[in-house]
Amino acid sequence: MKGLIPDQAFKRCVRGTHPTIYVNLFISFVLVFGLVNQPGMLGKVAKRFGEANINIDYIYGSVMEDATESIFVFHIAEAYFDRIQNAFSDL
């Protein structure tokens, strides 16, 4: 489903390809960070969440050994999105 916007992906998943297959689908908003690929950077980001008293539900990410940047996905409660809007501008 590369290149689909969320609404299109949702419709495709729910519709499915077989009329007797049902799909349970949960949509959740996440934060995506492009981080400099250097030791301790993920820790710095996690520390900022902690300083703001925001619990991280989960994190997953991807990085290549020789890459200069890595991508990490963070899930937090949506109620906290506004609280952290400017907390990472200097990283």
N, C-alpha and C. Protein backbone atom coordinates (compact mmCIF):
# COMPACT_ATOMS: atom_id res chain seq x y z
N MET A 1 0.81 -1.19 0.00
CA MET A 1 0.00 0.00 0.00
C MET A 1 0.85 1.25 0.00
N LYS A 2 2.03 1.17 -0.51
CA LYS A 2 2.94 2.31 -0.54
C LYS A 2 2.29 3.50 -1.24
N GLY A 3 2.39 4.64 -0.62
CA GLY A 3 1.89 5.87 -1.23
C GLY A 3 0.42 6.17 -0.96
N LEU A 4 -0.27 5.33 -0.22
CA LEU A 4 -1.67 5.59 0.07
C LEU A 4 -1.80 6.55 1.24
N ILE A 5 -2.78 7.43 1.17
CA ILE A 5 -3.06 8.26 2.33
C ILE A 5 -3.89 7.43 3.31
N PRO A 6 -3.92 7.81 4.60
CA PRO A 6 -4.59 6.97 5.60
C PRO A 6 -6.02 6.57 5.25
N ASP A 7 -6.82 7.49 4.73
CA ASP A 7 -8.21 7.14 4.39
C ASP A 7 -8.27 6.06 3.33
N GLN A 8 -7.41 6.15 2.33
CA GLN A 8 -7.40 5.14 1.27
C GLN A 8 -6.95 3.79 1.82
N ALA A 9 -5.93 3.81 2.67
CA ALA A 9 -5.43 2.57 3.26
C ALA A 9 -6.51 1.93 4.13
N PHE A 10 -7.22 2.75 4.89
CA PHE A 10 -8.29 2.25 5.74
C PHE A 10 -9.37 1.57 4.91
N LYS A 11 -9.81 2.24 3.85
CA LYS A 11 -10.87 1.67 3.00
C LYS A 11 -10.41 0.37 2.36
N ARG A 12 -9.17 0.31 1.94
CA ARG A 12 -8.66 -0.90 1.30
C ARG A 12 -8.59 -2.05 2.30
N CYS A 13 -8.16 -1.76 3.53
CA CYS A 13 -8.07 -2.81 4.55
C CYS A 13 -9.45 -3.32 4.94
N VAL A 14 -10.39 -2.42 5.13
CA VAL A 14 -11.73 -2.82 5.55
C VAL A 14 -12.44 -3.58 4.45
N ARG A 15 -12.30 -3.14 3.24
CA ARG A 15 -12.97 -3.79 2.11
C ARG A 15 -12.37 -5.17 1.89
N GLY A 16 -11.05 -5.28 2.00
CA GLY A 16 -10.38 -6.56 1.82
C GLY A 16 -10.50 -7.07 0.40
N THR A 17 -10.09 -8.29 0.21
CA THR A 17 -10.11 -8.87 -1.13
C THR A 17 -11.04 -10.06 -1.22
N HIS A 18 -11.59 -10.48 -0.07
CA HIS A 18 -12.48 -11.63 -0.05
C HIS A 18 -13.72 -11.28 0.75
N PRO A 19 -14.91 -11.56 0.23
CA PRO A 19 -16.14 -11.11 0.91
C PRO A 19 -16.39 -11.75 2.28
N THR A 20 -15.75 -12.86 2.62
CA THR A 20 -15.99 -13.48 3.92
C THR A 20 -14.87 -13.24 4.92
N ILE A 21 -13.87 -12.46 4.55
CA ILE A 21 -12.78 -12.14 5.46
C ILE A 21 -13.05 -10.77 6.08
N TYR A 22 -13.04 -10.72 7.40
CA TYR A 22 -13.26 -9.47 8.10
C TYR A 22 -11.95 -9.02 8.74
N VAL A 23 -11.75 -7.73 8.77
CA VAL A 23 -10.51 -7.17 9.28
C VAL A 23 -10.82 -6.25 10.46
N ASN A 24 -10.15 -6.50 11.58
CA ASN A 24 -10.22 -5.56 12.70
C ASN A 24 -9.10 -4.55 12.49
N LEU A 25 -9.45 -3.28 12.49
CA LEU A 25 -8.47 -2.25 12.21
C LEU A 25 -8.55 -1.18 13.28
N PHE A 26 -7.41 -0.82 13.83
CA PHE A 26 -7.31 0.22 14.83
C PHE A 26 -6.41 1.31 14.28
N ILE A 27 -6.90 2.53 14.25
CA ILE A 27 -6.12 3.66 13.75
C ILE A 27 -5.61 4.47 14.93
N SER A 28 -4.33 4.77 14.90
CA SER A 28 -3.71 5.51 15.98
C SER A 28 -2.73 6.52 15.39
N PHE A 29 -2.72 7.72 15.93
CA PHE A 29 -1.80 8.74 15.48
C PHE A 29 -0.46 8.56 16.19
N VAL A 30 0.61 8.79 15.47
CA VAL A 30 1.96 8.64 16.01
C VAL A 30 2.80 9.86 15.65
N LEU A 31 3.92 9.99 16.31
CA LEU A 31 4.91 11.02 15.99
C LEU A 31 6.07 10.35 15.29
N VAL A 32 6.53 10.94 14.21
CA VAL A 32 7.66 10.39 13.46
C VAL A 32 8.80 11.40 13.52
N PHE A 33 9.96 10.91 13.96
CA PHE A 33 11.14 11.76 14.08
C PHE A 33 12.23 11.27 13.14
N GLY A 34 12.84 12.19 12.42
CA GLY A 34 14.07 11.92 11.71
C GLY A 34 15.20 12.39 12.61
N LEU A 35 15.98 11.45 13.14
CA LEU A 35 17.03 11.79 14.10
C LEU A 35 18.41 11.61 13.50
N VAL A 36 19.35 12.43 13.93
CA VAL A 36 20.74 12.27 13.54
C VAL A 36 21.20 10.92 14.05
N ASN A 37 21.86 10.17 13.22
CA ASN A 37 22.31 8.83 13.58
C ASN A 37 23.61 8.91 14.38
N GLN A 38 23.46 9.12 15.67
CA GLN A 38 24.62 9.16 16.56
C GLN A 38 24.22 8.58 17.91
N PRO A 39 25.16 7.98 18.62
CA PRO A 39 24.85 7.38 19.91
C PRO A 39 24.22 8.39 20.88
N GLY A 40 23.17 7.95 21.57
CA GLY A 40 22.52 8.78 22.58
C GLY A 40 21.37 9.64 22.10
N MET A 41 21.16 9.75 20.79
CA MET A 41 20.12 10.65 20.28
C MET A 41 18.72 10.17 20.69
N LEU A 42 18.46 8.87 20.60
CA LEU A 42 17.16 8.36 21.02
C LEU A 42 16.95 8.61 22.51
N GLY A 43 17.99 8.48 23.30
CA GLY A 43 17.91 8.76 24.73
C GLY A 43 17.57 10.21 25.01
N LYS A 44 18.13 11.13 24.23
CA LYS A 44 17.82 12.56 24.39
C LYS A 44 16.34 12.83 24.14
N VAL A 45 15.81 12.20 23.09
CA VAL A 45 14.40 12.39 22.77
C VAL A 45 13.53 11.81 23.88
N ALA A 46 13.83 10.60 24.32
CA ALA A 46 13.06 9.97 25.39
C ALA A 46 13.11 10.81 26.67
N LYS A 47 14.26 11.40 26.95
CA LYS A 47 14.39 12.23 28.14
C LYS A 47 13.46 13.44 28.07
N ARG A 48 13.31 14.03 26.87
CA ARG A 48 12.40 15.18 26.71
C ARG A 48 10.96 14.78 27.03
N PHE A 49 10.56 13.60 26.59
CA PHE A 49 9.22 13.13 26.93
C PHE A 49 9.08 13.01 28.45
N GLY A 50 10.08 12.44 29.09
CA GLY A 50 10.05 12.28 30.54
C GLY A 50 9.98 13.61 31.27
N GLU A 51 10.75 14.59 30.82
CA GLU A 51 10.73 15.91 31.45
C GLU A 51 9.37 16.57 31.34
N ALA A 52 8.63 16.23 30.29
CA ALA A 52 7.29 16.77 30.09
C ALA A 52 6.22 15.89 30.74
N ASN A 53 6.65 14.86 31.48
CA ASN A 53 5.73 13.91 32.13
C ASN A 53 4.78 13.25 31.13
N ILE A 54 5.34 12.84 30.00
CA ILE A 54 4.57 12.18 28.96
C ILE A 54 5.07 10.75 28.83
N ASN A 55 4.16 9.80 28.96
CA ASN A 55 4.49 8.39 28.84
C ASN A 55 4.59 8.00 27.37
N ILE A 56 5.63 7.27 27.02
CA ILE A 56 5.78 6.72 25.66
C ILE A 56 5.19 5.32 25.69
N ASP A 57 4.17 5.10 24.87
CA ASP A 57 3.53 3.78 24.82
C ASP A 57 4.42 2.77 24.09
N TYR A 58 4.97 3.20 22.95
CA TYR A 58 5.91 2.34 22.23
C TYR A 58 6.74 3.17 21.27
N ILE A 59 7.88 2.60 20.89
CA ILE A 59 8.78 3.20 19.91
C ILE A 59 9.24 2.11 18.97
N TYR A 60 9.31 2.42 17.70
CA TYR A 60 10.02 1.55 16.77
C TYR A 60 10.74 2.42 15.77
N GLY A 61 11.79 1.87 15.22
CA GLY A 61 12.60 2.69 14.33
C GLY A 61 13.42 1.87 13.37
N SER A 62 14.11 2.59 12.51
CA SER A 62 14.94 1.95 11.50
C SER A 62 16.15 2.84 11.23
N VAL A 63 17.30 2.18 11.14
CA VAL A 63 18.52 2.91 10.84
C VAL A 63 19.49 1.97 10.13
N MET A 64 20.21 2.50 9.20
CA MET A 64 21.25 1.74 8.51
C MET A 64 22.60 2.18 9.10
N GLU A 65 23.52 1.28 9.15
CA GLU A 65 24.81 1.53 9.80
C GLU A 65 25.51 2.78 9.27
N ASP A 66 25.52 2.98 7.98
CA ASP A 66 26.25 4.11 7.40
C ASP A 66 25.37 5.34 7.15
N ALA A 67 24.12 5.29 7.56
CA ALA A 67 23.20 6.41 7.32
C ALA A 67 23.49 7.57 8.26
N THR A 68 23.19 8.77 7.81
CA THR A 68 23.38 9.95 8.65
C THR A 68 22.13 10.26 9.46
N GLU A 69 21.00 9.67 9.08
CA GLU A 69 19.74 9.92 9.77
C GLU A 69 18.99 8.62 9.98
N SER A 70 18.24 8.57 11.06
CA SER A 70 17.40 7.41 11.35
C SER A 70 15.97 7.89 11.53
N ILE A 71 15.03 6.98 11.40
CA ILE A 71 13.62 7.32 11.55
C ILE A 71 13.05 6.52 12.71
N PHE A 72 12.37 7.21 13.63
CA PHE A 72 11.74 6.56 14.76
C PHE A 72 10.29 7.00 14.88
N VAL A 73 9.43 6.07 15.23
CA VAL A 73 8.01 6.31 15.40
C VAL A 73 7.69 6.17 16.89
N PHE A 74 7.05 7.18 17.45
CA PHE A 74 6.69 7.19 18.85
C PHE A 74 5.17 7.23 18.98
N HIS A 75 4.64 6.46 19.89
CA HIS A 75 3.21 6.54 20.18
C HIS A 75 3.04 7.07 21.58
N ILE A 76 2.29 8.16 21.69
CA ILE A 76 1.91 8.73 22.98
C ILE A 76 0.41 9.01 22.91
N ALA A 77 -0.20 9.31 24.04
CA ALA A 77 -1.62 9.67 24.06
C ALA A 77 -1.81 10.95 23.25
N GLU A 78 -2.87 10.98 22.45
CA GLU A 78 -3.13 12.16 21.62
C GLU A 78 -3.31 13.43 22.44
N ALA A 79 -3.76 13.30 23.68
CA ALA A 79 -3.96 14.46 24.54
C ALA A 79 -2.67 15.23 24.77
N TYR A 80 -1.51 14.59 24.57
CA TYR A 80 -0.22 15.23 24.82
C TYR A 80 0.42 15.85 23.58
N PHE A 81 -0.18 15.70 22.43
CA PHE A 81 0.44 16.20 21.20
C PHE A 81 0.72 17.70 21.28
N ASP A 82 -0.22 18.48 21.76
CA ASP A 82 -0.01 19.93 21.83
C ASP A 82 1.06 20.29 22.85
N ARG A 83 1.20 19.50 23.91
CA ARG A 83 2.18 19.78 24.95
C ARG A 83 3.61 19.68 24.46
N ILE A 84 3.85 18.89 23.47
CA ILE A 84 5.23 18.67 23.04
C ILE A 84 5.55 19.32 21.70
N GLN A 85 4.63 20.12 21.20
CA GLN A 85 4.77 20.69 19.85
C GLN A 85 6.14 21.34 19.60
N ASN A 86 6.65 22.09 20.55
CA ASN A 86 7.92 22.79 20.35
C ASN A 86 9.07 22.23 21.19
N ALA A 87 8.84 21.10 21.83
CA ALA A 87 9.83 20.56 22.76
C ALA A 87 11.07 20.00 22.06
N PHE A 88 11.00 19.75 20.77
CA PHE A 88 12.10 19.11 20.08
C PHE A 88 12.71 19.94 18.97
N SER A 89 12.43 21.21 18.94
CA SER A 89 12.88 22.06 17.83
C SER A 89 14.41 22.19 17.78
N ASP A 90 15.09 21.98 18.89
CA ASP A 90 16.54 22.15 18.90
C ASP A 90 17.33 20.85 18.68
N LEU A 91 16.64 19.74 18.50
CA LEU A 91 17.36 18.47 18.29
C LEU A 91 17.58 18.20 16.82
